[in-house]
Amino acid sequence: MSIYEVEIDGLRGGSADLGQYEGKAVLVVNVASKCGLTPQYAGLERLQERYAARGFTVLGVPCNQFMGQEPGTSEEIAEFCSATYGVTFPLTEKIDVNGEARHPLYQGLVDTPDAEGHTGDIRWNFEKFLIAPNGTVTARFAPQTEPESPELITTIEKTLPT
């Protein structure tokens, strides 16, 4: 199944319609509001602002599987992201990224290795997957990789649609 065919709702309800991202580069990130890595929202928003006009989007995917660090309701998550970090990129409904209830979106991502060769379960909040405009997963980045790190920026720029 293509990532564009996966059904997932938006944070505020209704379909997130992943098909709208076909032909774009998409950085899928499992996010959380009460994590030591939460300040990465700022860098993710700067990536969104920097590359959106070139066919790129960040797609935030709230998840509460890591020490309960995303406990809020959809409304609370949306308010936090907007008020605290000025987030304009799309956010999906809160999902599971690991375990028996792993969402189909992540079933299609976890087999991609990161630079150290890690595949499988998501290790923590803010693990990042870069999807090419044709829907293939081109890269996986560890949670600690800052959104504006040279390796992530270089990979995004190589993946942007021409």
N, C-alpha and C. Protein backbone atom coordinates (compact mmCIF):
# COMPACT_ATOMS: atom_id res chain seq x y z
N MET A 1 0.84 -1.18 0.00
CA MET A 1 0.00 0.00 0.00
C MET A 1 0.89 1.25 0.00
N SER A 2 0.55 2.20 -0.83
CA SER A 2 1.27 3.47 -0.89
C SER A 2 0.90 4.33 0.32
N ILE A 3 1.83 5.14 0.76
CA ILE A 3 1.56 6.07 1.87
C ILE A 3 0.36 6.95 1.53
N TYR A 4 0.18 7.24 0.26
CA TYR A 4 -0.90 8.13 -0.15
C TYR A 4 -2.28 7.49 -0.02
N GLU A 5 -2.32 6.17 0.13
CA GLU A 5 -3.57 5.45 0.27
C GLU A 5 -3.95 5.20 1.73
N VAL A 6 -3.04 5.48 2.65
CA VAL A 6 -3.29 5.24 4.07
C VAL A 6 -4.37 6.19 4.56
N GLU A 7 -5.30 5.64 5.31
CA GLU A 7 -6.36 6.48 5.87
C GLU A 7 -5.98 6.88 7.29
N ILE A 8 -5.98 8.17 7.53
CA ILE A 8 -5.69 8.72 8.85
C ILE A 8 -6.44 10.04 8.96
N ASP A 9 -6.94 10.32 10.14
CA ASP A 9 -7.68 11.57 10.33
C ASP A 9 -6.73 12.71 10.69
N GLY A 10 -7.18 13.91 10.44
CA GLY A 10 -6.47 15.09 10.87
C GLY A 10 -6.69 15.30 12.36
N LEU A 11 -5.87 16.11 12.97
CA LEU A 11 -5.95 16.35 14.41
C LEU A 11 -7.32 16.91 14.81
N ARG A 12 -7.88 17.75 13.98
CA ARG A 12 -9.16 18.37 14.29
C ARG A 12 -10.33 17.66 13.64
N GLY A 13 -10.12 16.39 13.23
CA GLY A 13 -11.19 15.60 12.63
C GLY A 13 -11.14 15.63 11.13
N GLY A 14 -11.93 14.76 10.52
CA GLY A 14 -11.93 14.64 9.07
C GLY A 14 -10.65 13.97 8.59
N SER A 15 -10.64 13.59 7.35
CA SER A 15 -9.49 12.89 6.77
C SER A 15 -8.29 13.83 6.64
N ALA A 16 -7.11 13.29 6.93
CA ALA A 16 -5.88 14.05 6.69
C ALA A 16 -5.50 14.00 5.22
N ASP A 17 -6.16 13.12 4.42
CA ASP A 17 -5.98 13.02 2.98
C ASP A 17 -4.51 13.03 2.57
N LEU A 18 -3.81 11.94 2.85
CA LEU A 18 -2.39 11.86 2.51
C LEU A 18 -2.15 11.92 1.01
N GLY A 19 -3.17 11.62 0.22
CA GLY A 19 -3.06 11.71 -1.23
C GLY A 19 -2.70 13.11 -1.72
N GLN A 20 -3.03 14.13 -0.92
CA GLN A 20 -2.71 15.50 -1.32
C GLN A 20 -1.21 15.77 -1.34
N TYR A 21 -0.42 14.87 -0.73
CA TYR A 21 1.03 15.06 -0.67
C TYR A 21 1.77 14.34 -1.79
N GLU A 22 1.04 13.63 -2.62
CA GLU A 22 1.69 12.96 -3.74
C GLU A 22 2.37 14.03 -4.59
N GLY A 23 3.63 13.78 -4.96
CA GLY A 23 4.40 14.75 -5.72
C GLY A 23 5.17 15.73 -4.85
N LYS A 24 5.04 15.59 -3.52
CA LYS A 24 5.77 16.46 -2.59
C LYS A 24 6.72 15.62 -1.74
N ALA A 25 7.69 16.27 -1.16
CA ALA A 25 8.54 15.64 -0.15
C ALA A 25 7.86 15.86 1.20
N VAL A 26 7.76 14.80 2.01
CA VAL A 26 7.05 14.87 3.28
C VAL A 26 7.96 14.34 4.39
N LEU A 27 8.11 15.11 5.45
CA LEU A 27 8.85 14.68 6.63
C LEU A 27 7.83 14.28 7.68
N VAL A 28 7.68 12.97 7.92
CA VAL A 28 6.74 12.43 8.89
C VAL A 28 7.45 12.33 10.23
N VAL A 29 6.87 12.94 11.27
CA VAL A 29 7.51 12.99 12.58
C VAL A 29 6.49 12.65 13.66
N ASN A 30 6.80 11.65 14.50
CA ASN A 30 5.92 11.40 15.64
C ASN A 30 6.26 12.42 16.72
N VAL A 31 5.28 13.20 17.12
CA VAL A 31 5.50 14.35 17.98
C VAL A 31 4.83 14.17 19.35
N ALA A 32 5.32 14.95 20.31
CA ALA A 32 4.77 14.93 21.67
C ALA A 32 5.00 16.30 22.31
N SER A 33 4.05 16.73 23.10
CA SER A 33 4.08 18.07 23.70
C SER A 33 4.84 18.17 25.01
N LYS A 34 5.11 17.04 25.67
CA LYS A 34 5.71 17.09 27.00
C LYS A 34 6.99 16.26 27.05
N CYS A 35 7.81 16.40 26.04
CA CYS A 35 9.04 15.61 25.88
C CYS A 35 10.24 16.56 25.91
N GLY A 36 11.37 16.06 26.32
CA GLY A 36 12.58 16.86 26.28
C GLY A 36 12.95 17.31 24.87
N LEU A 37 12.44 16.59 23.87
CA LEU A 37 12.71 16.94 22.47
C LEU A 37 11.64 17.85 21.87
N THR A 38 10.62 18.20 22.64
CA THR A 38 9.52 19.03 22.14
C THR A 38 9.99 20.34 21.49
N PRO A 39 11.09 20.97 21.97
CA PRO A 39 11.54 22.19 21.27
C PRO A 39 11.87 21.98 19.79
N GLN A 40 11.97 20.73 19.35
CA GLN A 40 12.19 20.48 17.92
C GLN A 40 11.02 20.99 17.08
N TYR A 41 9.86 21.21 17.69
CA TYR A 41 8.74 21.82 16.96
C TYR A 41 9.19 23.11 16.27
N ALA A 42 10.02 23.89 16.93
CA ALA A 42 10.46 25.17 16.35
C ALA A 42 11.25 24.94 15.07
N GLY A 43 12.17 24.00 15.09
CA GLY A 43 12.95 23.69 13.89
C GLY A 43 12.10 23.08 12.79
N LEU A 44 11.14 22.24 13.17
CA LEU A 44 10.23 21.67 12.18
C LEU A 44 9.42 22.76 11.50
N GLU A 45 8.95 23.73 12.28
CA GLU A 45 8.20 24.85 11.70
C GLU A 45 9.08 25.67 10.76
N ARG A 46 10.35 25.87 11.13
CA ARG A 46 11.25 26.62 10.24
C ARG A 46 11.47 25.85 8.93
N LEU A 47 11.57 24.53 9.00
CA LEU A 47 11.67 23.73 7.76
C LEU A 47 10.43 23.93 6.90
N GLN A 48 9.27 23.90 7.54
CA GLN A 48 8.01 24.10 6.82
C GLN A 48 8.02 25.44 6.11
N GLU A 49 8.40 26.48 6.82
CA GLU A 49 8.42 27.82 6.23
C GLU A 49 9.45 27.93 5.10
N ARG A 50 10.59 27.30 5.28
CA ARG A 50 11.70 27.40 4.32
C ARG A 50 11.41 26.65 3.02
N TYR A 51 10.77 25.49 3.11
CA TYR A 51 10.65 24.62 1.94
C TYR A 51 9.24 24.41 1.40
N ALA A 52 8.21 24.91 2.06
CA ALA A 52 6.83 24.66 1.63
C ALA A 52 6.60 25.08 0.18
N ALA A 53 7.12 26.20 -0.22
CA ALA A 53 6.91 26.70 -1.58
C ALA A 53 7.62 25.84 -2.62
N ARG A 54 8.52 24.97 -2.16
CA ARG A 54 9.27 24.10 -3.08
C ARG A 54 8.74 22.66 -3.09
N GLY A 55 7.52 22.47 -2.57
CA GLY A 55 6.92 21.14 -2.62
C GLY A 55 7.28 20.26 -1.45
N PHE A 56 7.29 20.82 -0.25
CA PHE A 56 7.67 20.09 0.96
C PHE A 56 6.65 20.36 2.06
N THR A 57 6.43 19.37 2.91
CA THR A 57 5.66 19.61 4.13
C THR A 57 6.17 18.71 5.25
N VAL A 58 6.06 19.21 6.45
CA VAL A 58 6.21 18.40 7.65
C VAL A 58 4.82 17.85 7.95
N LEU A 59 4.75 16.60 8.39
CA LEU A 59 3.49 16.01 8.83
C LEU A 59 3.71 15.51 10.25
N GLY A 60 3.13 16.22 11.22
CA GLY A 60 3.27 15.85 12.62
C GLY A 60 2.24 14.79 13.00
N VAL A 61 2.72 13.76 13.70
CA VAL A 61 1.86 12.64 14.08
C VAL A 61 1.93 12.46 15.60
N PRO A 62 1.00 13.04 16.34
CA PRO A 62 1.03 12.91 17.80
C PRO A 62 0.94 11.45 18.25
N CYS A 63 1.72 11.13 19.27
CA CYS A 63 1.75 9.78 19.81
C CYS A 63 2.00 9.85 21.32
N ASN A 64 1.27 9.05 22.07
CA ASN A 64 1.39 9.05 23.54
C ASN A 64 2.02 7.76 24.06
N GLN A 65 2.78 7.06 23.25
CA GLN A 65 3.34 5.77 23.64
C GLN A 65 4.65 5.85 24.41
N PHE A 66 5.23 7.02 24.51
CA PHE A 66 6.54 7.14 25.15
C PHE A 66 6.39 7.92 26.45
N MET A 67 6.24 7.19 27.55
CA MET A 67 6.10 7.75 28.89
C MET A 67 4.94 8.75 29.00
N GLY A 68 3.91 8.56 28.19
CA GLY A 68 2.71 9.40 28.29
C GLY A 68 2.99 10.87 28.01
N GLN A 69 3.91 11.15 27.08
CA GLN A 69 4.32 12.54 26.85
C GLN A 69 3.45 13.31 25.86
N GLU A 70 2.37 12.69 25.41
CA GLU A 70 1.37 13.41 24.59
C GLU A 70 -0.01 13.06 25.11
N PRO A 71 -0.32 13.53 26.36
CA PRO A 71 -1.57 13.12 27.01
C PRO A 71 -2.80 13.91 26.58
N GLY A 72 -2.62 15.02 25.91
CA GLY A 72 -3.72 15.94 25.67
C GLY A 72 -4.76 15.45 24.68
N THR A 73 -5.87 16.16 24.68
CA THR A 73 -6.91 15.95 23.68
C THR A 73 -6.44 16.58 22.37
N SER A 74 -7.17 16.32 21.31
CA SER A 74 -6.83 16.93 20.02
C SER A 74 -6.81 18.45 20.13
N GLU A 75 -7.79 19.01 20.82
CA GLU A 75 -7.87 20.46 20.98
C GLU A 75 -6.67 21.00 21.77
N GLU A 76 -6.30 20.29 22.84
CA GLU A 76 -5.15 20.73 23.66
C GLU A 76 -3.85 20.65 22.87
N ILE A 77 -3.68 19.60 22.09
CA ILE A 77 -2.47 19.45 21.27
C ILE A 77 -2.39 20.58 20.25
N ALA A 78 -3.49 20.82 19.56
CA ALA A 78 -3.52 21.88 18.54
C ALA A 78 -3.22 23.24 19.15
N GLU A 79 -3.82 23.54 20.29
CA GLU A 79 -3.59 24.82 20.96
C GLU A 79 -2.13 24.95 21.39
N PHE A 80 -1.58 23.90 21.98
CA PHE A 80 -0.19 23.93 22.42
C PHE A 80 0.75 24.20 21.24
N CYS A 81 0.57 23.46 20.16
CA CYS A 81 1.45 23.59 19.00
C CYS A 81 1.36 24.99 18.39
N SER A 82 0.16 25.51 18.30
CA SER A 82 -0.04 26.83 17.72
C SER A 82 0.48 27.94 18.63
N ALA A 83 0.07 27.90 19.89
CA ALA A 83 0.42 28.98 20.82
C ALA A 83 1.90 28.96 21.21
N THR A 84 2.47 27.78 21.38
CA THR A 84 3.84 27.69 21.88
C THR A 84 4.87 27.78 20.76
N TYR A 85 4.59 27.15 19.62
CA TYR A 85 5.59 27.07 18.55
C TYR A 85 5.12 27.64 17.22
N GLY A 86 3.92 28.16 17.15
CA GLY A 86 3.43 28.74 15.90
C GLY A 86 3.33 27.74 14.77
N VAL A 87 3.04 26.49 15.10
CA VAL A 87 3.01 25.42 14.11
C VAL A 87 1.93 25.68 13.06
N THR A 88 2.34 25.63 11.80
CA THR A 88 1.40 25.74 10.69
C THR A 88 1.34 24.46 9.87
N PHE A 89 2.27 23.54 10.09
CA PHE A 89 2.25 22.30 9.31
C PHE A 89 1.12 21.40 9.81
N PRO A 90 0.67 20.49 8.95
CA PRO A 90 -0.47 19.63 9.33
C PRO A 90 -0.11 18.63 10.43
N LEU A 91 -1.11 18.34 11.25
CA LEU A 91 -1.00 17.35 12.31
C LEU A 91 -2.12 16.33 12.14
N THR A 92 -1.79 15.07 12.36
CA THR A 92 -2.80 14.02 12.27
C THR A 92 -3.40 13.77 13.64
N GLU A 93 -4.37 12.87 13.67
CA GLU A 93 -4.90 12.37 14.93
C GLU A 93 -3.79 11.68 15.71
N LYS A 94 -4.00 11.53 17.02
CA LYS A 94 -3.04 10.82 17.86
C LYS A 94 -3.15 9.32 17.55
N ILE A 95 -2.00 8.67 17.31
CA ILE A 95 -2.00 7.25 16.94
C ILE A 95 -0.92 6.49 17.72
N ASP A 96 -0.94 5.17 17.58
CA ASP A 96 0.15 4.31 18.06
C ASP A 96 1.12 4.09 16.91
N VAL A 97 2.41 4.20 17.21
CA VAL A 97 3.44 3.98 16.20
C VAL A 97 4.14 2.63 16.40
N ASN A 98 3.91 1.99 17.53
CA ASN A 98 4.51 0.69 17.85
C ASN A 98 3.43 -0.26 18.35
N GLY A 99 3.78 -1.53 18.40
CA GLY A 99 2.91 -2.53 19.01
C GLY A 99 1.82 -3.04 18.09
N GLU A 100 0.93 -3.83 18.69
CA GLU A 100 -0.14 -4.48 17.92
C GLU A 100 -1.09 -3.47 17.28
N ALA A 101 -1.24 -2.31 17.90
CA ALA A 101 -2.15 -1.29 17.36
C ALA A 101 -1.42 -0.27 16.48
N ARG A 102 -0.19 -0.61 16.05
CA ARG A 102 0.57 0.31 15.18
C ARG A 102 -0.28 0.71 13.99
N HIS A 103 -0.37 2.01 13.76
CA HIS A 103 -1.15 2.54 12.66
C HIS A 103 -0.53 2.11 11.33
N PRO A 104 -1.35 1.87 10.31
CA PRO A 104 -0.83 1.48 8.99
C PRO A 104 0.20 2.47 8.42
N LEU A 105 0.09 3.74 8.75
CA LEU A 105 1.09 4.71 8.29
C LEU A 105 2.48 4.27 8.72
N TYR A 106 2.61 3.88 9.98
CA TYR A 106 3.92 3.49 10.51
C TYR A 106 4.31 2.07 10.11
N GLN A 107 3.34 1.23 9.79
CA GLN A 107 3.68 -0.10 9.28
C GLN A 107 4.48 0.03 7.99
N GLY A 108 4.20 1.07 7.23
CA GLY A 108 4.91 1.30 5.97
C GLY A 108 6.22 2.05 6.13
N LEU A 109 6.54 2.49 7.34
CA LEU A 109 7.76 3.28 7.55
C LEU A 109 8.87 2.53 8.30
N VAL A 110 8.50 1.69 9.26
CA VAL A 110 9.48 1.18 10.23
C VAL A 110 10.55 0.25 9.67
N ASP A 111 10.37 -0.27 8.46
CA ASP A 111 11.40 -1.14 7.90
C ASP A 111 12.56 -0.35 7.28
N THR A 112 12.42 0.96 7.18
CA THR A 112 13.47 1.80 6.64
C THR A 112 14.56 1.99 7.68
N PRO A 113 15.83 1.71 7.33
CA PRO A 113 16.92 1.89 8.30
C PRO A 113 17.35 3.35 8.40
N ASP A 114 17.83 3.73 9.60
CA ASP A 114 18.44 5.05 9.75
C ASP A 114 19.93 4.93 9.43
N ALA A 115 20.70 5.98 9.66
CA ALA A 115 22.12 5.99 9.31
C ALA A 115 22.92 4.94 10.08
N GLU A 116 22.43 4.54 11.26
CA GLU A 116 23.11 3.51 12.05
C GLU A 116 22.57 2.12 11.75
N GLY A 117 21.62 2.01 10.83
CA GLY A 117 21.07 0.72 10.45
C GLY A 117 19.87 0.28 11.28
N HIS A 118 19.39 1.13 12.18
CA HIS A 118 18.22 0.76 13.01
C HIS A 118 16.98 0.67 12.14
N THR A 119 16.27 -0.45 12.28
CA THR A 119 14.95 -0.62 11.67
C THR A 119 14.00 -1.07 12.77
N GLY A 120 12.74 -1.15 12.44
CA GLY A 120 11.77 -1.65 13.41
C GLY A 120 11.17 -0.54 14.24
N ASP A 121 10.83 -0.90 15.48
CA ASP A 121 10.08 0.00 16.35
C ASP A 121 10.67 1.41 16.42
N ILE A 122 9.75 2.35 16.55
CA ILE A 122 10.12 3.74 16.81
C ILE A 122 10.71 3.78 18.21
N ARG A 123 11.85 4.47 18.36
CA ARG A 123 12.56 4.47 19.63
C ARG A 123 12.07 5.53 20.61
N TRP A 124 11.61 6.66 20.10
CA TRP A 124 11.20 7.75 20.97
C TRP A 124 10.45 8.78 20.14
N ASN A 125 9.95 9.80 20.81
CA ASN A 125 9.30 10.92 20.13
C ASN A 125 10.28 11.60 19.18
N PHE A 126 9.76 12.15 18.11
CA PHE A 126 10.49 12.95 17.14
C PHE A 126 11.43 12.13 16.24
N GLU A 127 11.11 10.85 16.04
CA GLU A 127 11.80 10.08 15.00
C GLU A 127 11.24 10.58 13.67
N LYS A 128 12.10 10.69 12.66
CA LYS A 128 11.72 11.36 11.42
C LYS A 128 11.90 10.44 10.21
N PHE A 129 10.94 10.49 9.29
CA PHE A 129 11.00 9.74 8.04
C PHE A 129 10.77 10.71 6.90
N LEU A 130 11.65 10.68 5.90
CA LEU A 130 11.48 11.53 4.74
C LEU A 130 10.92 10.71 3.59
N ILE A 131 9.78 11.17 3.07
CA ILE A 131 9.10 10.51 1.97
C ILE A 131 9.35 11.32 0.70
N ALA A 132 9.79 10.63 -0.36
CA ALA A 132 10.04 11.28 -1.64
C ALA A 132 8.73 11.59 -2.34
N PRO A 133 8.76 12.48 -3.34
CA PRO A 133 7.54 12.82 -4.07
C PRO A 133 6.83 11.62 -4.70
N ASN A 134 7.55 10.52 -4.96
CA ASN A 134 6.94 9.33 -5.55
C ASN A 134 6.39 8.38 -4.49
N GLY A 135 6.50 8.74 -3.20
CA GLY A 135 5.95 7.94 -2.12
C GLY A 135 6.91 6.96 -1.48
N THR A 136 8.13 6.88 -1.95
CA THR A 136 9.10 5.98 -1.33
C THR A 136 9.72 6.65 -0.10
N VAL A 137 10.04 5.83 0.89
CA VAL A 137 10.70 6.33 2.09
C VAL A 137 12.19 6.42 1.77
N THR A 138 12.74 7.62 1.80
CA THR A 138 14.13 7.80 1.39
C THR A 138 15.10 7.84 2.56
N ALA A 139 14.63 8.18 3.75
CA ALA A 139 15.55 8.29 4.88
C ALA A 139 14.80 8.24 6.19
N ARG A 140 15.52 7.79 7.22
CA ARG A 140 15.01 7.75 8.59
C ARG A 140 16.05 8.42 9.46
N PHE A 141 15.59 9.25 10.39
CA PHE A 141 16.49 9.98 11.28
C PHE A 141 16.10 9.73 12.73
N ALA A 142 17.11 9.53 13.55
CA ALA A 142 16.91 9.28 14.98
C ALA A 142 16.21 10.46 15.64
N PRO A 143 15.52 10.20 16.76
CA PRO A 143 14.81 11.28 17.45
C PRO A 143 15.71 12.47 17.81
N GLN A 144 16.95 12.22 18.16
CA GLN A 144 17.84 13.30 18.59
C GLN A 144 18.35 14.15 17.42
N THR A 145 18.13 13.71 16.19
CA THR A 145 18.57 14.50 15.03
C THR A 145 17.73 15.76 14.96
N GLU A 146 18.39 16.88 15.09
CA GLU A 146 17.70 18.17 15.05
C GLU A 146 17.12 18.42 13.66
N PRO A 147 15.95 19.02 13.57
CA PRO A 147 15.34 19.26 12.27
C PRO A 147 16.23 20.05 11.30
N GLU A 148 17.03 20.96 11.82
CA GLU A 148 17.87 21.77 10.93
C GLU A 148 19.32 21.29 10.90
N SER A 149 19.53 20.03 11.24
CA SER A 149 20.88 19.46 11.17
C SER A 149 21.32 19.38 9.71
N PRO A 150 22.62 19.49 9.47
CA PRO A 150 23.11 19.43 8.08
C PRO A 150 22.67 18.17 7.34
N GLU A 151 22.69 17.01 8.01
CA GLU A 151 22.32 15.78 7.30
C GLU A 151 20.84 15.77 6.90
N LEU A 152 19.99 16.32 7.73
CA LEU A 152 18.57 16.36 7.40
C LEU A 152 18.30 17.39 6.30
N ILE A 153 18.90 18.55 6.41
CA ILE A 153 18.73 19.60 5.39
C ILE A 153 19.21 19.09 4.03
N THR A 154 20.38 18.48 3.99
CA THR A 154 20.93 17.97 2.74
C THR A 154 19.99 16.94 2.12
N THR A 155 19.46 16.04 2.93
CA THR A 155 18.57 15.00 2.43
C THR A 155 17.26 15.59 1.93
N ILE A 156 16.72 16.57 2.65
CA ILE A 156 15.49 17.24 2.19
C ILE A 156 15.75 17.89 0.83
N GLU A 157 16.83 18.62 0.71
CA GLU A 157 17.11 19.34 -0.53
C GLU A 157 17.28 18.39 -1.72
N LYS A 158 17.86 17.21 -1.48
CA LYS A 158 18.00 16.20 -2.54
C LYS A 158 16.66 15.57 -2.90
N THR A 159 15.71 15.61 -1.97
CA THR A 159 14.43 14.91 -2.14
C THR A 159 13.33 15.82 -2.68
N LEU A 160 13.52 17.12 -2.61
CA LEU A 160 12.49 18.04 -3.09
C LEU A 160 12.14 17.76 -4.55
N PRO A 161 10.88 17.93 -4.92
CA PRO A 161 10.50 17.73 -6.33
C PRO A 161 11.22 18.73 -7.23
N THR A 162 11.48 18.32 -8.43
CA THR A 162 12.18 19.22 -9.36
C THR A 162 11.22 19.99 -10.21
